[in-house]
Amino acid sequence: MEVDMYNAWVGKKKMLGVCRGLQLFAALNDGKLYQDVDGHGNGNHTVTDMVTGLRHIVSSVHHQMVRNTHVKKGAVIIAIASESRDKKYMLNGLEQSHGRGFGDIEAMYYPDTLSLGVQFHPEFGPVTCANYYFELIDRHFPEEKADEEGKQGS
């Protein structure tokens, strides 16, 4: 059902994805996933925004994630985990090493398909996580905010 909705709306409606939503966007835009993340850890952690360089505290509960070596279709990596950890992942039943030098992908934007996805959970807190989520929406879909402000002023 999600794939059918995506296909019906792609290019016509702006789409937001949280956690599994980002993973779905990646898969539907020719990206690849780590199928079983070992050692990512649940709870709060820090991400770094690739545009502003600012760090934000977000929450996370996922065990799958976008592979940083398989970003496709004009995707823009927006945020990565601030700590680069050497972890192991399962991919097609085989253990893979993430390696060092690049943090886990935490947010991506697909301009061709109007899809914005975050790996973290803004609804779980802390408030900085929700604030960052809404900042990303404002950044990538600015006319939405302008439309709302125009309606309030009339």
C-alpha atoms as a PDB file:
ATOM      1  CA  MET A   1       0.000   0.000   0.000  1.00  0.00           C
ATOM      2  CA  GLU A   2       2.830   2.426   0.844  1.00  0.00           C
ATOM      3  CA  VAL A   3       4.527   1.850  -2.506  1.00  0.00           C
ATOM      4  CA  ASP A   4       1.218   2.412  -4.327  1.00  0.00           C
ATOM      5  CA  MET A   5       0.697   5.694  -2.447  1.00  0.00           C
ATOM      6  CA  TYR A   6       4.252   6.770  -3.186  1.00  0.00           C
ATOM      7  CA  ASN A   7       3.867   5.977  -6.889  1.00  0.00           C
ATOM      8  CA  ALA A   8       0.538   7.838  -7.056  1.00  0.00           C
ATOM      9  CA  TRP A   9       1.960  10.956  -5.375  1.00  0.00           C
ATOM     10  CA  VAL A  10       5.544  11.072  -6.623  1.00  0.00           C
ATOM     11  CA  GLY A  11       6.239  14.462  -8.187  1.00  0.00           C
ATOM     12  CA  LYS A  12       2.727  15.688  -7.344  1.00  0.00           C
ATOM     13  CA  LYS A  13       2.773  15.884  -3.551  1.00  0.00           C
ATOM     14  CA  LYS A  14       5.503  16.527  -1.046  1.00  0.00           C
ATOM     15  CA  MET A  15       6.153  13.481   1.108  1.00  0.00           C
ATOM     16  CA  LEU A  16       7.627  13.165   4.599  1.00  0.00           C
ATOM     17  CA  GLY A  17       9.022   9.960   6.029  1.00  0.00           C
ATOM     18  CA  VAL A  18      10.112   9.116   9.558  1.00  0.00           C
ATOM     19  CA  CYS A  19      12.439   6.169  10.286  1.00  0.00           C
ATOM     20  CA  ARG A  20      11.012   3.419   8.077  1.00  0.00           C
ATOM     21  CA  GLY A  21       9.696   6.197   5.820  1.00  0.00           C
ATOM     22  CA  LEU A  22      13.252   7.328   5.039  1.00  0.00           C
ATOM     23  CA  GLN A  23      14.211   3.716   4.426  1.00  0.00           C
ATOM     24  CA  LEU A  24      11.275   3.327   2.017  1.00  0.00           C
ATOM     25  CA  PHE A  25      12.222   6.526   0.157  1.00  0.00           C
ATOM     26  CA  ALA A  26      15.796   5.252  -0.180  1.00  0.00           C
ATOM     27  CA  ALA A  27      14.672   1.892  -1.537  1.00  0.00           C
ATOM     28  CA  LEU A  28      12.268   3.510  -4.005  1.00  0.00           C
ATOM     29  CA  ASN A  29      14.989   5.885  -5.199  1.00  0.00           C
ATOM     30  CA  ASP A  30      17.515   3.129  -6.037  1.00  0.00           C
ATOM     31  CA  GLY A  31      19.350   3.316  -2.710  1.00  0.00           C
ATOM     32  CA  LYS A  32      20.400   0.407  -0.525  1.00  0.00           C
ATOM     33  CA  LEU A  33      19.845  -0.394   3.154  1.00  0.00           C
ATOM     34  CA  TYR A  34      21.730  -2.080   5.919  1.00  0.00           C
ATOM     35  CA  GLN A  35      19.186  -4.713   6.884  1.00  0.00           C
ATOM     36  CA  ASP A  36      20.195  -5.212  10.507  1.00  0.00           C
ATOM     37  CA  VAL A  37      22.133  -2.520  12.326  1.00  0.00           C
ATOM     38  CA  ASP A  38      24.160  -3.797  15.252  1.00  0.00           C
ATOM     39  CA  GLY A  39      25.381  -1.299  17.796  1.00  0.00           C
ATOM     40  CA  HIS A  40      23.566   1.824  16.648  1.00  0.00           C
ATOM     41  CA  GLY A  41      21.899   2.036  20.034  1.00  0.00           C
ATOM     42  CA  ASN A  42      18.480   3.277  20.895  1.00  0.00           C
ATOM     43  CA  GLY A  43      17.815   6.573  22.582  1.00  0.00           C
ATOM     44  CA  ASN A  44      19.165  10.061  22.172  1.00  0.00           C
ATOM     45  CA  HIS A  45      22.258  10.885  20.156  1.00  0.00           C
ATOM     46  CA  THR A  46      23.718  13.837  18.284  1.00  0.00           C
ATOM     47  CA  VAL A  47      23.469  14.470  14.551  1.00  0.00           C
ATOM     48  CA  THR A  48      25.327  17.041  12.492  1.00  0.00           C
ATOM     49  CA  ASP A  49      23.484  19.039   9.845  1.00  0.00           C
ATOM     50  CA  MET A  50      25.499  18.896   6.618  1.00  0.00           C
ATOM     51  CA  VAL A  51      24.373  22.380   5.529  1.00  0.00           C
ATOM     52  CA  THR A  52      24.640  24.413   8.721  1.00  0.00           C
ATOM     53  CA  GLY A  53      27.239  22.344  10.582  1.00  0.00           C
ATOM     54  CA  LEU A  54      25.057  22.593  13.694  1.00  0.00           C
ATOM     55  CA  ARG A  55      24.541  19.640  15.985  1.00  0.00           C
ATOM     56  CA  HIS A  56      21.121  18.510  17.174  1.00  0.00           C
ATOM     57  CA  ILE A  57      20.064  15.942  19.767  1.00  0.00           C
ATOM     58  CA  VAL A  58      17.597  13.443  18.277  1.00  0.00           C
ATOM     59  CA  SER A  59      16.055  10.141  19.312  1.00  0.00           C
ATOM     60  CA  SER A  60      16.388   6.873  17.469  1.00  0.00           C
ATOM     61  CA  VAL A  61      15.024   3.329  17.663  1.00  0.00           C
ATOM     62  CA  HIS A  62      15.812   1.838  14.250  1.00  0.00           C
ATOM     63  CA  HIS A  63      17.654  -1.337  13.350  1.00  0.00           C
ATOM     64  CA  GLN A  64      17.822  -0.701   9.585  1.00  0.00           C
ATOM     65  CA  MET A  65      19.308   2.311   7.813  1.00  0.00           C
ATOM     66  CA  VAL A  66      20.368   3.790   4.491  1.00  0.00           C
ATOM     67  CA  ARG A  67      23.782   2.666   3.270  1.00  0.00           C
ATOM     68  CA  ASN A  68      25.989   5.716   2.796  1.00  0.00           C
ATOM     69  CA  THR A  69      27.776   4.083  -0.125  1.00  0.00           C
ATOM     70  CA  HIS A  70      24.603   3.681  -2.174  1.00  0.00           C
ATOM     71  CA  VAL A  71      22.986   7.123  -2.302  1.00  0.00           C
ATOM     72  CA  LYS A  72      21.356   7.548  -5.707  1.00  0.00           C
ATOM     73  CA  LYS A  73      19.014   9.665  -7.858  1.00  0.00           C
ATOM     74  CA  GLY A  74      20.174  13.124  -6.844  1.00  0.00           C
ATOM     75  CA  ALA A  75      19.596  12.455  -3.155  1.00  0.00           C
ATOM     76  CA  VAL A  76      20.975  15.013  -0.745  1.00  0.00           C
ATOM     77  CA  ILE A  77      22.353  13.825   2.577  1.00  0.00           C
ATOM     78  CA  ILE A  78      21.119  16.366   5.111  1.00  0.00           C
ATOM     79  CA  ALA A  79      22.332  15.018   8.444  1.00  0.00           C
ATOM     80  CA  ILE A  80      24.643  12.325   9.731  1.00  0.00           C
ATOM     81  CA  ALA A  81      25.264  10.888  13.185  1.00  0.00           C
ATOM     82  CA  SER A  82      27.950  13.014  14.800  1.00  0.00           C
ATOM     83  CA  GLU A  83      29.872  10.030  16.106  1.00  0.00           C
ATOM     84  CA  SER A  84      31.447   7.817  13.479  1.00  0.00           C
ATOM     85  CA  ARG A  85      31.482   4.348  14.971  1.00  0.00           C
ATOM     86  CA  ASP A  86      32.980   1.164  13.581  1.00  0.00           C
ATOM     87  CA  LYS A  87      29.960  -1.133  13.593  1.00  0.00           C
ATOM     88  CA  LYS A  88      28.859  -4.326  11.989  1.00  0.00           C
ATOM     89  CA  TYR A  89      25.747  -4.687   9.848  1.00  0.00           C
ATOM     90  CA  MET A  90      24.006  -7.568   8.188  1.00  0.00           C
ATOM     91  CA  LEU A  91      23.476  -7.247   4.449  1.00  0.00           C
ATOM     92  CA  ASN A  92      22.017 -10.145   2.481  1.00  0.00           C
ATOM     93  CA  GLY A  93      22.820 -12.417   5.415  1.00  0.00           C
ATOM     94  CA  LEU A  94      26.517 -11.459   5.444  1.00  0.00           C
ATOM     95  CA  GLU A  95      28.246  -9.369   8.061  1.00  0.00           C
ATOM     96  CA  GLN A  96      29.514  -6.049   6.676  1.00  0.00           C
ATOM     97  CA  SER A  97      31.734  -3.448   8.316  1.00  0.00           C
ATOM     98  CA  HIS A  98      30.504   0.141   8.277  1.00  0.00           C
ATOM     99  CA  GLY A  99      34.000   1.463   8.731  1.00  0.00           C
ATOM    100  CA  ARG A 100      35.055   4.831  10.051  1.00  0.00           C
ATOM    101  CA  GLY A 101      35.067   8.267   8.487  1.00  0.00           C
ATOM    102  CA  PHE A 102      31.381   8.776   7.786  1.00  0.00           C
ATOM    103  CA  GLY A 103      28.523   8.865  10.251  1.00  0.00           C
ATOM    104  CA  ASP A 104      25.221   7.084   9.852  1.00  0.00           C
ATOM    105  CA  ILE A 105      22.759   8.857   7.548  1.00  0.00           C
ATOM    106  CA  GLU A 106      20.060  10.490   9.666  1.00  0.00           C
ATOM    107  CA  ALA A 107      18.210  12.658   7.124  1.00  0.00           C
ATOM    108  CA  MET A 108      17.938  12.833   3.338  1.00  0.00           C
ATOM    109  CA  TYR A 109      16.065  14.843   0.744  1.00  0.00           C
ATOM    110  CA  TYR A 110      15.162  13.589  -2.729  1.00  0.00           C
ATOM    111  CA  PRO A 111      14.421  16.730  -4.789  1.00  0.00           C
ATOM    112  CA  ASP A 112      13.349  14.762  -7.877  1.00  0.00           C
ATOM    113  CA  THR A 113      10.606  12.994  -5.950  1.00  0.00           C
ATOM    114  CA  LEU A 114       9.848  15.720  -3.362  1.00  0.00           C
ATOM    115  CA  SER A 115      10.608  13.261  -0.557  1.00  0.00           C
ATOM    116  CA  LEU A 116      12.115  14.313   2.769  1.00  0.00           C
ATOM    117  CA  GLY A 117      12.998  11.587   5.243  1.00  0.00           C
ATOM    118  CA  VAL A 118      14.562  11.420   8.679  1.00  0.00           C
ATOM    119  CA  GLN A 119      15.881   8.345  10.451  1.00  0.00           C
ATOM    120  CA  PHE A 120      15.216   9.796  13.897  1.00  0.00           C
ATOM    121  CA  HIS A 121      11.864  10.016  15.699  1.00  0.00           C
ATOM    122  CA  PRO A 122      10.724  13.619  16.331  1.00  0.00           C
ATOM    123  CA  GLU A 123       7.663  12.353  18.203  1.00  0.00           C
ATOM    124  CA  PHE A 124       9.759  10.618  20.888  1.00  0.00           C
ATOM    125  CA  GLY A 125      11.659  13.714  21.989  1.00  0.00           C
ATOM    126  CA  PRO A 126      13.610  15.491  23.205  1.00  0.00           C
ATOM    127  CA  VAL A 127      12.096  18.772  22.063  1.00  0.00           C
ATOM    128  CA  THR A 128      15.295  19.548  20.123  1.00  0.00           C
ATOM    129  CA  CYS A 129      14.507  16.547  17.927  1.00  0.00           C
ATOM    130  CA  ALA A 130      11.046  17.857  16.999  1.00  0.00           C
ATOM    131  CA  ASN A 131      12.420  21.364  16.493  1.00  0.00           C
ATOM    132  CA  TYR A 132      15.060  20.078  14.084  1.00  0.00           C
ATOM    133  CA  TYR A 133      12.453  18.049  12.184  1.00  0.00           C
ATOM    134  CA  PHE A 134      10.285  21.134  11.658  1.00  0.00           C
ATOM    135  CA  GLU A 135      13.375  23.156  10.700  1.00  0.00           C
ATOM    136  CA  LEU A 136      14.079  20.610   7.940  1.00  0.00           C
ATOM    137  CA  ILE A 137      10.489  20.816   6.704  1.00  0.00           C
ATOM    138  CA  ASP A 138      10.714  24.613   6.582  1.00  0.00           C
ATOM    139  CA  ARG A 139      14.047  24.395   4.765  1.00  0.00           C
ATOM    140  CA  HIS A 140      12.986  21.921   2.086  1.00  0.00           C
ATOM    141  CA  PHE A 141       9.319  22.890   1.700  1.00  0.00           C
ATOM    142  CA  PRO A 142       9.439  26.662   2.402  1.00  0.00           C
ATOM    143  CA  GLU A 143       6.325  27.535   0.411  1.00  0.00           C
ATOM    144  CA  GLU A 144       4.232  25.481   2.831  1.00  0.00           C
ATOM    145  CA  LYS A 145       5.054  27.914   5.613  1.00  0.00           C
ATOM    146  CA  ALA A 146       4.564  30.939   3.331  1.00  0.00           C
ATOM    147  CA  ASP A 147       1.137  29.611   2.281  1.00  0.00           C
ATOM    148  CA  GLU A 148       0.074  29.221   5.916  1.00  0.00           C
ATOM    149  CA  GLU A 149       1.279  32.717   6.813  1.00  0.00           C
ATOM    150  CA  GLY A 150      -0.631  34.142   3.846  1.00  0.00           C
ATOM    151  CA  LYS A 151      -3.845  32.448   4.961  1.00  0.00           C
ATOM    152  CA  GLN A 152      -3.471  33.784   8.506  1.00  0.00           C
ATOM    153  CA  GLY A 153      -2.972  37.341   7.246  1.00  0.00           C
ATOM    154  CA  SER A 154      -6.126  37.410   5.111  1.00  0.00           C
END
